[in-house]
Amino acid sequence: TPEQWCEMNGVEVRESVATLYKALNDDFTSPHGTNYAPGQTPVAADWDSGKAECGGGLHFSPTPMQAASFHTAADRYAVCCVRLSDMRSPKPGDQYPEKIKASGCCAPCVECDIRGKLIKTAAA
């Protein structure tokens, strides 16, 4: 279950919301073009209800460093809050058990560094 995956990967969960991470381009987009800029709450336009391990959703990692392994040219990182109920349950034989797929975030993203330390963004 997503709960078990979070527990096994040391992911913080509060009130059924997991704190996950995404490695990003300098403009806060993923390699597939989704915007994770601070203040944005990304949702997958192509959510497949968790059928496939890859594609059809947004992908997240337990730490920024693990996220960087999926985007080695990353310039920025985001903290992403994701409801457990919006995550795909991992399946035996998944090729990438160190990441999880979800339909989207449930709160605005916040910038962090590769160690997960929050970066204060100047107010507009």
PDB file of N, CA and C in Angstrom:
ATOM      1  N   THR A   1       0.845  -1.187   0.000  1.00  0.00           N
ATOM      2  CA  THR A   1       0.000   0.000   0.000  1.00  0.00           C
ATOM      3  C   THR A   1       0.889   1.247   0.000  1.00  0.00           C
ATOM      4  N   PRO A   2       0.345   2.392  -0.353  1.00  0.00           N
ATOM      5  CA  PRO A   2       1.130   3.625  -0.240  1.00  0.00           C
ATOM      6  C   PRO A   2       1.636   3.862   1.189  1.00  0.00           C
ATOM      7  N   GLU A   3       0.809   3.521   2.182  1.00  0.00           N
ATOM      8  CA  GLU A   3       1.242   3.687   3.576  1.00  0.00           C
ATOM      9  C   GLU A   3       2.485   2.852   3.863  1.00  0.00           C
ATOM     10  N   GLN A   4       2.480   1.601   3.420  1.00  0.00           N
ATOM     11  CA  GLN A   4       3.623   0.718   3.636  1.00  0.00           C
ATOM     12  C   GLN A   4       4.850   1.221   2.885  1.00  0.00           C
ATOM     13  N   TRP A   5       4.643   1.691   1.654  1.00  0.00           N
ATOM     14  CA  TRP A   5       5.753   2.215   0.865  1.00  0.00           C
ATOM     15  C   TRP A   5       6.387   3.401   1.606  1.00  0.00           C
ATOM     16  N   CYS A   6       5.568   4.301   2.111  1.00  0.00           N
ATOM     17  CA  CYS A   6       6.086   5.456   2.853  1.00  0.00           C
ATOM     18  C   CYS A   6       6.861   5.010   4.086  1.00  0.00           C
ATOM     19  N   GLU A   7       6.313   4.065   4.822  1.00  0.00           N
ATOM     20  CA  GLU A   7       6.990   3.570   6.021  1.00  0.00           C
ATOM     21  C   GLU A   7       8.328   2.933   5.666  1.00  0.00           C
ATOM     22  N   MET A   8       8.350   2.108   4.639  1.00  0.00           N
ATOM     23  CA  MET A   8       9.584   1.420   4.224  1.00  0.00           C
ATOM     24  C   MET A   8      10.642   2.394   3.714  1.00  0.00           C
ATOM     25  N   ASN A   9      10.215   3.539   3.178  1.00  0.00           N
ATOM     26  CA  ASN A   9      11.146   4.506   2.600  1.00  0.00           C
ATOM     27  C   ASN A   9      11.401   5.715   3.492  1.00  0.00           C
ATOM     28  N   GLY A  10      10.912   5.681   4.728  1.00  0.00           N
ATOM     29  CA  GLY A  10      11.175   6.755   5.678  1.00  0.00           C
ATOM     30  C   GLY A  10      10.503   8.073   5.333  1.00  0.00           C
ATOM     31  N   VAL A  11       9.369   7.996   4.636  1.00  0.00           N
ATOM     32  CA  VAL A  11       8.643   9.192   4.232  1.00  0.00           C
ATOM     33  C   VAL A  11       7.762   9.680   5.376  1.00  0.00           C
ATOM     34  N   GLU A  12       7.836  10.974   5.652  1.00  0.00           N
ATOM     35  CA  GLU A  12       6.988  11.567   6.682  1.00  0.00           C
ATOM     36  C   GLU A  12       5.545  11.618   6.187  1.00  0.00           C
ATOM     37  N   VAL A  13       4.622  11.130   7.017  1.00  0.00           N
ATOM     38  CA  VAL A  13       3.196  11.167   6.694  1.00  0.00           C
ATOM     39  C   VAL A  13       2.471  11.794   7.879  1.00  0.00           C
ATOM     40  N   ARG A  14       1.675  12.820   7.586  1.00  0.00           N
ATOM     41  CA  ARG A  14       0.848  13.471   8.612  1.00  0.00           C
ATOM     42  C   ARG A  14      -0.559  13.623   8.058  1.00  0.00           C
ATOM     43  N   GLU A  15      -1.523  13.174   8.836  1.00  0.00           N
ATOM     44  CA  GLU A  15      -2.933  13.264   8.448  1.00  0.00           C
ATOM     45  C   GLU A  15      -3.159  12.719   7.032  1.00  0.00           C
ATOM     46  N   SER A  16      -2.546  11.576   6.742  1.00  0.00           N
ATOM     47  CA  SER A  16      -2.680  10.863   5.466  1.00  0.00           C
ATOM     48  C   SER A  16      -2.105  11.615   4.272  1.00  0.00           C
ATOM     49  N   VAL A  17      -1.150  12.536   4.532  1.00  0.00           N
ATOM     50  CA  VAL A  17      -0.467  13.268   3.467  1.00  0.00           C
ATOM     51  C   VAL A  17       1.035  13.017   3.600  1.00  0.00           C
ATOM     52  N   ALA A  18       1.642  12.553   2.505  1.00  0.00           N
ATOM     53  CA  ALA A  18       3.071  12.251   2.484  1.00  0.00           C
ATOM     54  C   ALA A  18       3.864  13.456   1.983  1.00  0.00           C
ATOM     55  N   THR A  19       5.059  13.642   2.548  1.00  0.00           N
ATOM     56  CA  THR A  19       5.985  14.663   2.084  1.00  0.00           C
ATOM     57  C   THR A  19       6.976  13.982   1.149  1.00  0.00           C
ATOM     58  N   LEU A  20       6.884  14.319  -0.146  1.00  0.00           N
ATOM     59  CA  LEU A  20       7.704  13.708  -1.188  1.00  0.00           C
ATOM     60  C   LEU A  20       8.484  14.790  -1.921  1.00  0.00           C
ATOM     61  N   TYR A  21       9.328  14.377  -2.878  1.00  0.00           N
ATOM     62  CA  TYR A  21      10.237  15.312  -3.534  1.00  0.00           C
ATOM     63  C   TYR A  21      10.287  15.090  -5.030  1.00  0.00           C
ATOM     64  N   LYS A  22      10.645  16.181  -5.741  1.00  0.00           N
ATOM     65  CA  LYS A  22      10.769  16.151  -7.192  1.00  0.00           C
ATOM     66  C   LYS A  22      12.012  16.933  -7.591  1.00  0.00           C
ATOM     67  N   ALA A  23      12.808  16.365  -8.513  1.00  0.00           N
ATOM     68  CA  ALA A  23      13.973  17.040  -9.083  1.00  0.00           C
ATOM     69  C   ALA A  23      13.528  17.741 -10.365  1.00  0.00           C
ATOM     70  N   LEU A  24      13.988  18.992 -10.533  1.00  0.00           N
ATOM     71  CA  LEU A  24      13.426  19.834 -11.590  1.00  0.00           C
ATOM     72  C   LEU A  24      14.474  20.600 -12.389  1.00  0.00           C
ATOM     73  N   ASN A  25      14.020  21.121 -13.527  1.00  0.00           N
ATOM     74  CA  ASN A  25      14.823  22.040 -14.327  1.00  0.00           C
ATOM     75  C   ASN A  25      14.900  23.385 -13.605  1.00  0.00           C
ATOM     76  N   ASP A  26      15.731  24.288 -14.105  1.00  0.00           N
ATOM     77  CA  ASP A  26      15.906  25.598 -13.490  1.00  0.00           C
ATOM     78  C   ASP A  26      14.607  26.398 -13.423  1.00  0.00           C
ATOM     79  N   ASP A  27      13.669  26.155 -14.353  1.00  0.00           N
ATOM     80  CA  ASP A  27      12.400  26.893 -14.370  1.00  0.00           C
ATOM     81  C   ASP A  27      11.297  26.177 -13.582  1.00  0.00           C
ATOM     82  N   PHE A  28      11.687  25.210 -12.748  1.00  0.00           N
ATOM     83  CA  PHE A  28      10.768  24.437 -11.892  1.00  0.00           C
ATOM     84  C   PHE A  28       9.861  23.485 -12.675  1.00  0.00           C
ATOM     85  N   THR A  29      10.219  23.152 -13.909  1.00  0.00           N
ATOM     86  CA  THR A  29       9.449  22.150 -14.640  1.00  0.00           C
ATOM     87  C   THR A  29      10.160  20.817 -14.568  1.00  0.00           C
ATOM     88  N   SER A  30       9.377  19.750 -14.690  1.00  0.00           N
ATOM     89  CA  SER A  30       9.951  18.413 -14.763  1.00  0.00           C
ATOM     90  C   SER A  30      10.433  18.189 -16.199  1.00  0.00           C
ATOM     91  N   PRO A  31      11.218  17.140 -16.443  1.00  0.00           N
ATOM     92  CA  PRO A  31      11.620  16.848 -17.814  1.00  0.00           C
ATOM     93  C   PRO A  31      10.426  16.630 -18.763  1.00  0.00           C
ATOM     94  N   HIS A  32       9.254  16.311 -18.206  1.00  0.00           N
ATOM     95  CA  HIS A  32       8.058  16.121 -19.036  1.00  0.00           C
ATOM     96  C   HIS A  32       7.200  17.377 -19.119  1.00  0.00           C
ATOM     97  N   GLY A  33       7.644  18.484 -18.493  1.00  0.00           N
ATOM     98  CA  GLY A  33       6.983  19.764 -18.649  1.00  0.00           C
ATOM     99  C   GLY A  33       6.014  20.196 -17.568  1.00  0.00           C
ATOM    100  N   THR A  34       5.782  19.378 -16.554  1.00  0.00           N
ATOM    101  CA  THR A  34       4.871  19.771 -15.475  1.00  0.00           C
ATOM    102  C   THR A  34       5.521  20.851 -14.616  1.00  0.00           C
ATOM    103  N   ASN A  35       4.742  21.859 -14.228  1.00  0.00           N
ATOM    104  CA  ASN A  35       5.227  22.988 -13.441  1.00  0.00           C
ATOM    105  C   ASN A  35       5.088  22.698 -11.942  1.00  0.00           C
ATOM    106  N   TYR A  36       6.220  22.673 -11.240  1.00  0.00           N
ATOM    107  CA  TYR A  36       6.265  22.465  -9.795  1.00  0.00           C
ATOM    108  C   TYR A  36       6.785  23.711  -9.088  1.00  0.00           C
ATOM    109  N   ALA A  37       6.615  24.877  -9.682  1.00  0.00           N
ATOM    110  CA  ALA A  37       7.114  26.122  -9.090  1.00  0.00           C
ATOM    111  C   ALA A  37       6.478  26.351  -7.721  1.00  0.00           C
ATOM    112  N   PRO A  38       7.211  27.017  -6.823  1.00  0.00           N
ATOM    113  CA  PRO A  38       6.633  27.329  -5.518  1.00  0.00           C
ATOM    114  C   PRO A  38       5.270  28.005  -5.692  1.00  0.00           C
ATOM    115  N   GLY A  39       4.297  27.508  -4.933  1.00  0.00           N
ATOM    116  CA  GLY A  39       2.939  28.032  -5.017  1.00  0.00           C
ATOM    117  C   GLY A  39       2.036  27.268  -5.972  1.00  0.00           C
ATOM    118  N   GLN A  40       2.612  26.449  -6.855  1.00  0.00           N
ATOM    119  CA  GLN A  40       1.817  25.641  -7.790  1.00  0.00           C
ATOM    120  C   GLN A  40       1.404  24.333  -7.118  1.00  0.00           C
ATOM    121  N   THR A  41       0.247  23.816  -7.493  1.00  0.00           N
ATOM    122  CA  THR A  41      -0.246  22.531  -7.000  1.00  0.00           C
ATOM    123  C   THR A  41      -0.491  21.642  -8.224  1.00  0.00           C
ATOM    124  N   PRO A  42       0.568  20.980  -8.711  1.00  0.00           N
ATOM    125  CA  PRO A  42       0.424  20.214  -9.950  1.00  0.00           C
ATOM    126  C   PRO A  42      -0.490  19.000  -9.819  1.00  0.00           C
ATOM    127  N   VAL A  43      -1.221  18.742 -10.888  1.00  0.00           N
ATOM    128  CA  VAL A  43      -2.108  17.581 -11.006  1.00  0.00           C
ATOM    129  C   VAL A  43      -1.862  16.971 -12.378  1.00  0.00           C
ATOM    130  N   ALA A  44      -1.859  15.655 -12.448  1.00  0.00           N
ATOM    131  CA  ALA A  44      -1.613  14.956 -13.713  1.00  0.00           C
ATOM    132  C   ALA A  44      -2.834  15.020 -14.618  1.00  0.00           C
ATOM    133  N   ALA A  45      -2.640  15.548 -15.806  1.00  0.00           N
ATOM    134  CA  ALA A  45      -3.721  15.591 -16.791  1.00  0.00           C
ATOM    135  C   ALA A  45      -3.970  14.206 -17.387  1.00  0.00           C
ATOM    136  N   ASP A  46      -2.978  13.324 -17.254  1.00  0.00           N
ATOM    137  CA  ASP A  46      -3.062  11.993 -17.885  1.00  0.00           C
ATOM    138  C   ASP A  46      -3.199  10.858 -16.868  1.00  0.00           C
ATOM    139  N   TRP A  47      -3.701  11.127 -15.668  1.00  0.00           N
ATOM    140  CA  TRP A  47      -3.797  10.115 -14.614  1.00  0.00           C
ATOM    141  C   TRP A  47      -4.518   8.871 -15.125  1.00  0.00           C
ATOM    142  N   ASP A  48      -3.891   7.726 -14.960  1.00  0.00           N
ATOM    143  CA  ASP A  48      -4.458   6.452 -15.431  1.00  0.00           C
ATOM    144  C   ASP A  48      -5.043   5.616 -14.295  1.00  0.00           C
ATOM    145  N   SER A  49      -5.341   6.245 -13.181  1.00  0.00           N
ATOM    146  CA  SER A  49      -5.868   5.575 -11.978  1.00  0.00           C
ATOM    147  C   SER A  49      -4.882   4.580 -11.385  1.00  0.00           C
ATOM    148  N   GLY A  50      -3.617   4.752 -11.706  1.00  0.00           N
ATOM    149  CA  GLY A  50      -2.578   3.907 -11.125  1.00  0.00           C
ATOM    150  C   GLY A  50      -2.375   2.575 -11.807  1.00  0.00           C
ATOM    151  N   LYS A  51      -2.870   2.429 -13.016  1.00  0.00           N
ATOM    152  CA  LYS A  51      -2.746   1.139 -13.720  1.00  0.00           C
ATOM    153  C   LYS A  51      -1.285   0.769 -13.991  1.00  0.00           C
ATOM    154  N   ALA A  52      -0.545   1.676 -14.621  1.00  0.00           N
ATOM    155  CA  ALA A  52       0.842   1.398 -14.992  1.00  0.00           C
ATOM    156  C   ALA A  52       1.803   2.018 -13.979  1.00  0.00           C
ATOM    157  N   GLU A  53       3.007   1.445 -13.894  1.00  0.00           N
ATOM    158  CA  GLU A  53       4.013   2.004 -12.990  1.00  0.00           C
ATOM    159  C   GLU A  53       4.520   3.349 -13.509  1.00  0.00           C
ATOM    160  N   CYS A  54       4.750   3.435 -14.807  1.00  0.00           N
ATOM    161  CA  CYS A  54       5.289   4.659 -15.407  1.00  0.00           C
ATOM    162  C   CYS A  54       4.248   5.295 -16.319  1.00  0.00           C
ATOM    163  N   GLY A  55       4.372   6.604 -16.494  1.00  0.00           N
ATOM    164  CA  GLY A  55       3.414   7.339 -17.314  1.00  0.00           C
ATOM    165  C   GLY A  55       2.087   7.454 -16.594  1.00  0.00           C
ATOM    166  N   GLY A  56       1.187   8.237 -17.132  1.00  0.00           N
ATOM    167  CA  GLY A  56      -0.155   8.337 -16.584  1.00  0.00           C
ATOM    168  C   GLY A  56      -0.231   8.838 -15.167  1.00  0.00           C
ATOM    169  N   GLY A  57       0.593   9.819 -14.825  1.00  0.00           N
ATOM    170  CA  GLY A  57       0.585  10.388 -13.480  1.00  0.00           C
ATOM    171  C   GLY A  57       1.846  11.180 -13.215  1.00  0.00           C
ATOM    172  N   LEU A  58       1.988  11.649 -11.994  1.00  0.00           N
ATOM    173  CA  LEU A  58       3.194  12.354 -11.568  1.00  0.00           C
ATOM    174  C   LEU A  58       4.001  11.411 -10.684  1.00  0.00           C
ATOM    175  N   HIS A  59       5.326  11.511 -10.754  1.00  0.00           N
ATOM    176  CA  HIS A  59       6.201  10.600 -10.025  1.00  0.00           C
ATOM    177  C   HIS A  59       6.994  11.361  -8.972  1.00  0.00           C
ATOM    178  N   PHE A  60       7.154  10.737  -7.819  1.00  0.00           N
ATOM    179  CA  PHE A  60       7.798  11.371  -6.675  1.00  0.00           C
ATOM    180  C   PHE A  60       8.774  10.402  -6.011  1.00  0.00           C
ATOM    181  N   SER A  61       9.712  10.987  -5.246  1.00  0.00           N
ATOM    182  CA  SER A  61      10.719  10.207  -4.538  1.00  0.00           C
ATOM    183  C   SER A  61      10.693  10.535  -3.050  1.00  0.00           C
ATOM    184  N   PRO A  62      11.239   9.617  -2.223  1.00  0.00           N
ATOM    185  CA  PRO A  62      11.265   9.833  -0.770  1.00  0.00           C
ATOM    186  C   PRO A  62      12.204  10.954  -0.314  1.00  0.00           C
ATOM    187  N   THR A  63      13.251  11.251  -1.106  1.00  0.00           N
ATOM    188  CA  THR A  63      14.214  12.307  -0.760  1.00  0.00           C
ATOM    189  C   THR A  63      14.586  13.064  -2.035  1.00  0.00           C
ATOM    190  N   PRO A  64      15.095  14.288  -1.885  1.00  0.00           N
ATOM    191  CA  PRO A  64      15.562  15.000  -3.069  1.00  0.00           C
ATOM    192  C   PRO A  64      16.712  14.273  -3.775  1.00  0.00           C
ATOM    193  N   MET A  65      17.608  13.663  -3.000  1.00  0.00           N
ATOM    194  CA  MET A  65      18.732  12.946  -3.626  1.00  0.00           C
ATOM    195  C   MET A  65      18.239  11.771  -4.464  1.00  0.00           C
ATOM    196  N   GLN A  66      17.226  11.068  -3.972  1.00  0.00           N
ATOM    197  CA  GLN A  66      16.666   9.980  -4.767  1.00  0.00           C
ATOM    198  C   GLN A  66      15.971  10.531  -6.004  1.00  0.00           C
ATOM    199  N   ALA A  67      15.309  11.670  -5.868  1.00  0.00           N
ATOM    200  CA  ALA A  67      14.675  12.300  -7.028  1.00  0.00           C
ATOM    201  C   ALA A  67      15.721  12.669  -8.078  1.00  0.00           C
ATOM    202  N   ALA A  68      16.886  13.111  -7.623  1.00  0.00           N
ATOM    203  CA  ALA A  68      17.961  13.494  -8.553  1.00  0.00           C
ATOM    204  C   ALA A  68      18.446  12.315  -9.384  1.00  0.00           C
ATOM    205  N   SER A  69      18.283  11.102  -8.880  1.00  0.00           N
ATOM    206  CA  SER A  69      18.714   9.943  -9.665  1.00  0.00           C
ATOM    207  C   SER A  69      17.849   9.750 -10.909  1.00  0.00           C
ATOM    208  N   PHE A  70      16.655  10.348 -10.929  1.00  0.00           N
ATOM    209  CA  PHE A  70      15.778  10.283 -12.098  1.00  0.00           C
ATOM    210  C   PHE A  70      15.927  11.505 -12.996  1.00  0.00           C
ATOM    211  N   HIS A  71      16.641  12.532 -12.530  1.00  0.00           N
ATOM    212  CA  HIS A  71      16.874  13.751 -13.316  1.00  0.00           C
ATOM    213  C   HIS A  71      18.244  14.282 -12.916  1.00  0.00           C
ATOM    214  N   THR A  72      19.288  13.686 -13.506  1.00  0.00           N
ATOM    215  CA  THR A  72      20.661  13.979 -13.087  1.00  0.00           C
ATOM    216  C   THR A  72      21.107  15.398 -13.413  1.00  0.00           C
ATOM    217  N   ALA A  73      20.411  16.090 -14.303  1.00  0.00           N
ATOM    218  CA  ALA A  73      20.756  17.477 -14.636  1.00  0.00           C
ATOM    219  C   ALA A  73      19.905  18.479 -13.848  1.00  0.00           C
ATOM    220  N   ALA A  74      19.242  18.022 -12.801  1.00  0.00           N
ATOM    221  CA  ALA A  74      18.343  18.893 -12.031  1.00  0.00           C
ATOM    222  C   ALA A  74      19.083  20.094 -11.460  1.00  0.00           C
ATOM    223  N   ASP A  75      18.404  21.240 -11.509  1.00  0.00           N
ATOM    224  CA  ASP A  75      18.925  22.477 -10.934  1.00  0.00           C
ATOM    225  C   ASP A  75      18.178  22.874  -9.670  1.00  0.00           C
ATOM    226  N   ARG A  76      16.941  22.374  -9.530  1.00  0.00           N
ATOM    227  CA  ARG A  76      16.083  22.757  -8.414  1.00  0.00           C
ATOM    228  C   ARG A  76      15.332  21.525  -7.906  1.00  0.00           C
ATOM    229  N   TYR A  77      14.784  21.670  -6.699  1.00  0.00           N
ATOM    230  CA  TYR A  77      14.041  20.576  -6.074  1.00  0.00           C
ATOM    231  C   TYR A  77      12.792  21.148  -5.415  1.00  0.00           C
ATOM    232  N   ALA A  78      11.764  20.325  -5.353  1.00  0.00           N
ATOM    233  CA  ALA A  78      10.514  20.762  -4.731  1.00  0.00           C
ATOM    234  C   ALA A  78      10.039  19.752  -3.706  1.00  0.00           C
ATOM    235  N   VAL A  79       9.469  20.285  -2.621  1.00  0.00           N
ATOM    236  CA  VAL A  79       8.758  19.485  -1.635  1.00  0.00           C
ATOM    237  C   VAL A  79       7.319  19.405  -2.145  1.00  0.00           C
ATOM    238  N   CYS A  80       6.785  18.184  -2.198  1.00  0.00           N
ATOM    239  CA  CYS A  80       5.441  17.962  -2.734  1.00  0.00           C
ATOM    240  C   CYS A  80       4.606  17.178  -1.722  1.00  0.00           C
ATOM    241  N   CYS A  81       3.461  17.729  -1.361  1.00  0.00           N
ATOM    242  CA  CYS A  81       2.539  17.056  -0.446  1.00  0.00           C
ATOM    243  C   CYS A  81       1.539  16.257  -1.270  1.00  0.00           C
ATOM    244  N   VAL A  82       1.439  14.964  -0.971  1.00  0.00           N
ATOM    245  CA  VAL A  82       0.594  14.061  -1.755  1.00  0.00           C
ATOM    246  C   VAL A  82      -0.244  13.203  -0.811  1.00  0.00           C
ATOM    247  N   ARG A  83      -1.545  13.175  -1.046  1.00  0.00           N
ATOM    248  CA  ARG A  83      -2.433  12.321  -0.241  1.00  0.00           C
ATOM    249  C   ARG A  83      -2.143  10.848  -0.530  1.00  0.00           C
ATOM    250  N   LEU A  84      -2.120  10.052   0.516  1.00  0.00           N
ATOM    251  CA  LEU A  84      -1.928   8.612   0.331  1.00  0.00           C
ATOM    252  C   LEU A  84      -2.994   8.042  -0.595  1.00  0.00           C
ATOM    253  N   SER A  85      -4.212   8.544  -0.491  1.00  0.00           N
ATOM    254  CA  SER A  85      -5.311   8.044  -1.320  1.00  0.00           C
ATOM    255  C   SER A  85      -5.159   8.400  -2.795  1.00  0.00           C
ATOM    256  N   ASP A  86      -4.252   9.330  -3.128  1.00  0.00           N
ATOM    257  CA  ASP A  86      -4.011   9.715  -4.518  1.00  0.00           C
ATOM    258  C   ASP A  86      -2.826   8.981  -5.135  1.00  0.00           C
ATOM    259  N   MET A  87      -2.184   8.090  -4.368  1.00  0.00           N
ATOM    260  CA  MET A  87      -1.010   7.358  -4.837  1.00  0.00           C
ATOM    261  C   MET A  87      -1.385   5.995  -5.403  1.00  0.00           C
ATOM    262  N   ARG A  88      -0.572   5.552  -6.336  1.00  0.00           N
ATOM    263  CA  ARG A  88      -0.681   4.195  -6.870  1.00  0.00           C
ATOM    264  C   ARG A  88      -0.055   3.238  -5.871  1.00  0.00           C
ATOM    265  N   SER A  89      -0.717   2.132  -5.615  1.00  0.00           N
ATOM    266  CA  SER A  89      -0.122   1.109  -4.756  1.00  0.00           C
ATOM    267  C   SER A  89       0.994   0.409  -5.519  1.00  0.00           C
ATOM    268  N   PRO A  90       2.195   0.365  -4.956  1.00  0.00           N
ATOM    269  CA  PRO A  90       3.285  -0.358  -5.613  1.00  0.00           C
ATOM    270  C   PRO A  90       2.928  -1.831  -5.798  1.00  0.00           C
ATOM    271  N   LYS A  91       3.468  -2.417  -6.855  1.00  0.00           N
ATOM    272  CA  LYS A  91       3.188  -3.816  -7.182  1.00  0.00           C
ATOM    273  C   LYS A  91       4.486  -4.615  -7.170  1.00  0.00           C
ATOM    274  N   PRO A  92       4.420  -5.908  -6.801  1.00  0.00           N
ATOM    275  CA  PRO A  92       5.615  -6.748  -6.901  1.00  0.00           C
ATOM    276  C   PRO A  92       6.124  -6.722  -8.346  1.00  0.00           C
ATOM    277  N   GLY A  93       7.414  -6.603  -8.491  1.00  0.00           N
ATOM    278  CA  GLY A  93       8.006  -6.591  -9.822  1.00  0.00           C
ATOM    279  C   GLY A  93       8.112  -5.213 -10.455  1.00  0.00           C
ATOM    280  N   ASP A  94       7.668  -4.145  -9.749  1.00  0.00           N
ATOM    281  CA  ASP A  94       7.836  -2.796 -10.280  1.00  0.00           C
ATOM    282  C   ASP A  94       9.319  -2.567 -10.568  1.00  0.00           C
ATOM    283  N   GLN A  95       9.595  -1.888 -11.677  1.00  0.00           N
ATOM    284  CA  GLN A  95      10.976  -1.640 -12.089  1.00  0.00           C
ATOM    285  C   GLN A  95      11.647  -0.562 -11.230  1.00  0.00           C
ATOM    286  N   TYR A  96      10.854   0.365 -10.690  1.00  0.00           N
ATOM    287  CA  TYR A  96      11.400   1.476  -9.914  1.00  0.00           C
ATOM    288  C   TYR A  96      10.729   1.564  -8.546  1.00  0.00           C
ATOM    289  N   PRO A  97      11.034   0.647  -7.643  1.00  0.00           N
ATOM    290  CA  PRO A  97      10.375   0.658  -6.331  1.00  0.00           C
ATOM    291  C   PRO A  97      10.755   1.852  -5.462  1.00  0.00           C
ATOM    292  N   GLU A  98      11.755   2.614  -5.873  1.00  0.00           N
ATOM    293  CA  GLU A  98      12.187   3.772  -5.092  1.00  0.00           C
ATOM    294  C   GLU A  98      11.428   5.051  -5.452  1.00  0.00           C
ATOM    295  N   LYS A  99      10.440   4.959  -6.328  1.00  0.00           N
ATOM    296  CA  LYS A  99       9.587   6.116  -6.613  1.00  0.00           C
ATOM    297  C   LYS A  99       8.135   5.677  -6.542  1.00  0.00           C
ATOM    298  N   ILE A 100       7.251   6.675  -6.451  1.00  0.00           N
ATOM    299  CA  ILE A 100       5.825   6.367  -6.380  1.00  0.00           C
ATOM    300  C   ILE A 100       5.083   7.324  -7.307  1.00  0.00           C
ATOM    301  N   LYS A 101       3.988   6.833  -7.861  1.00  0.00           N
ATOM    302  CA  LYS A 101       3.185   7.618  -8.788  1.00  0.00           C
ATOM    303  C   LYS A 101       1.900   8.051  -8.103  1.00  0.00           C
ATOM    304  N   ALA A 102       1.437   9.259  -8.455  1.00  0.00           N
ATOM    305  CA  ALA A 102       0.203   9.792  -7.876  1.00  0.00           C
ATOM    306  C   ALA A 102      -0.524  10.648  -8.905  1.00  0.00           C
ATOM    307  N   SER A 103      -1.767  10.954  -8.588  1.00  0.00           N
ATOM    308  CA  SER A 103      -2.564  11.797  -9.483  1.00  0.00           C
ATOM    309  C   SER A 103      -2.186  13.267  -9.367  1.00  0.00           C
ATOM    310  N   GLY A 104      -1.550  13.659  -8.274  1.00  0.00           N
ATOM    311  CA  GLY A 104      -1.129  15.042  -8.134  1.00  0.00           C
ATOM    312  C   GLY A 104      -0.851  15.416  -6.700  1.00  0.00           C
ATOM    313  N   CYS A 105      -0.520  16.676  -6.511  1.00  0.00           N
ATOM    314  CA  CYS A 105      -0.234  17.226  -5.189  1.00  0.00           C
ATOM    315  C   CYS A 105      -1.526  17.749  -4.567  1.00  0.00           C
ATOM    316  N   CYS A 106      -1.540  17.848  -3.252  1.00  0.00           N
ATOM    317  CA  CYS A 106      -2.729  18.354  -2.552  1.00  0.00           C
ATOM    318  C   CYS A 106      -2.469  19.685  -1.862  1.00  0.00           C
ATOM    319  N   ALA A 107      -1.287  20.239  -2.084  1.00  0.00           N
ATOM    320  CA  ALA A 107      -0.917  21.539  -1.512  1.00  0.00           C
ATOM    321  C   ALA A 107       0.128  22.162  -2.426  1.00  0.00           C
ATOM    322  N   PRO A 108       0.328  23.470  -2.325  1.00  0.00           N
ATOM    323  CA  PRO A 108       1.337  24.110  -3.163  1.00  0.00           C
ATOM    324  C   PRO A 108       2.745  23.587  -2.877  1.00  0.00           C
ATOM    325  N   CYS A 109       3.539  23.487  -3.940  1.00  0.00           N
ATOM    326  CA  CYS A 109       4.931  23.052  -3.820  1.00  0.00           C
ATOM    327  C   CYS A 109       5.771  24.135  -3.156  1.00  0.00           C
ATOM    328  N   VAL A 110       6.858  23.692  -2.534  1.00  0.00           N
ATOM    329  CA  VAL A 110       7.808  24.580  -1.874  1.00  0.00           C
ATOM    330  C   VAL A 110       9.194  24.180  -2.357  1.00  0.00           C
ATOM    331  N   GLU A 111      10.043  25.160  -2.620  1.00  0.00           N
ATOM    332  CA  GLU A 111      11.402  24.848  -3.059  1.00  0.00           C
ATOM    333  C   GLU A 111      12.243  24.371  -1.883  1.00  0.00           C
ATOM    334  N   CYS A 112      13.127  23.413  -2.178  1.00  0.00           N
ATOM    335  CA  CYS A 112      14.098  22.939  -1.192  1.00  0.00           C
ATOM    336  C   CYS A 112      15.421  22.690  -1.894  1.00  0.00           C
ATOM    337  N   ASP A 113      16.467  22.422  -1.112  1.00  0.00           N
ATOM    338  CA  ASP A 113      17.741  22.052  -1.718  1.00  0.00           C
ATOM    339  C   ASP A 113      17.837  20.531  -1.794  1.00  0.00           C
ATOM    340  N   ILE A 114      18.945  20.023  -2.271  1.00  0.00           N
ATOM    341  CA  ILE A 114      19.090  18.577  -2.475  1.00  0.00           C
ATOM    342  C   ILE A 114      19.077  17.793  -1.163  1.00  0.00           C
ATOM    343  N   ARG A 115      19.229  18.483  -0.042  1.00  0.00           N
ATOM    344  CA  ARG A 115      19.159  17.824   1.265  1.00  0.00           C
ATOM    345  C   ARG A 115      17.766  17.930   1.890  1.00  0.00           C
ATOM    346  N   GLY A 116      16.849  18.636   1.194  1.00  0.00           N
ATOM    347  CA  GLY A 116      15.488  18.795   1.697  1.00  0.00           C
ATOM    348  C   GLY A 116      15.279  20.025   2.550  1.00  0.00           C
ATOM    349  N   LYS A 117      16.309  20.864   2.698  1.00  0.00           N
ATOM    350  CA  LYS A 117      16.176  22.100   3.469  1.00  0.00           C
ATOM    351  C   LYS A 117      15.371  23.102   2.650  1.00  0.00           C
ATOM    352  N   LEU A 118      14.330  23.667   3.285  1.00  0.00           N
ATOM    353  CA  LEU A 118      13.467  24.618   2.579  1.00  0.00           C
ATOM    354  C   LEU A 118      14.239  25.865   2.190  1.00  0.00           C
ATOM    355  N   ILE A 119      13.902  26.392   1.007  1.00  0.00           N
ATOM    356  CA  ILE A 119      14.497  27.624   0.501  1.00  0.00           C
ATOM    357  C   ILE A 119      13.406  28.671   0.505  1.00  0.00           C
ATOM    358  N   LYS A 120      13.651  29.752   1.205  1.00  0.00           N
ATOM    359  CA  LYS A 120      12.654  30.828   1.252  1.00  0.00           C
ATOM    360  C   LYS A 120      12.638  31.530  -0.091  1.00  0.00           C
ATOM    361  N   THR A 121      11.429  31.662  -0.624  1.00  0.00           N
ATOM    362  CA  THR A 121      11.228  32.350  -1.888  1.00  0.00           C
ATOM    363  C   THR A 121      10.759  33.768  -1.604  1.00  0.00           C
ATOM    364  N   ALA A 122      11.335  34.733  -2.301  1.00  0.00           N
ATOM    365  CA  ALA A 122      10.956  36.135  -2.097  1.00  0.00           C
ATOM    366  C   ALA A 122       9.473  36.314  -2.431  1.00  0.00           C
ATOM    367  N   ALA A 123       8.773  37.055  -1.595  1.00  0.00           N
ATOM    368  CA  ALA A 123       7.353  37.330  -1.845  1.00  0.00           C
ATOM    369  C   ALA A 123       7.212  38.241  -3.057  1.00  0.00           C
ATOM    370  N   ALA A 124       6.181  37.978  -3.842  1.00  0.00           N
ATOM    371  CA  ALA A 124       5.957  38.788  -5.057  1.00  0.00           C
ATOM    372  C   ALA A 124       5.324  40.113  -4.712  1.00  0.00           C
TER     373      ALA A 124
END
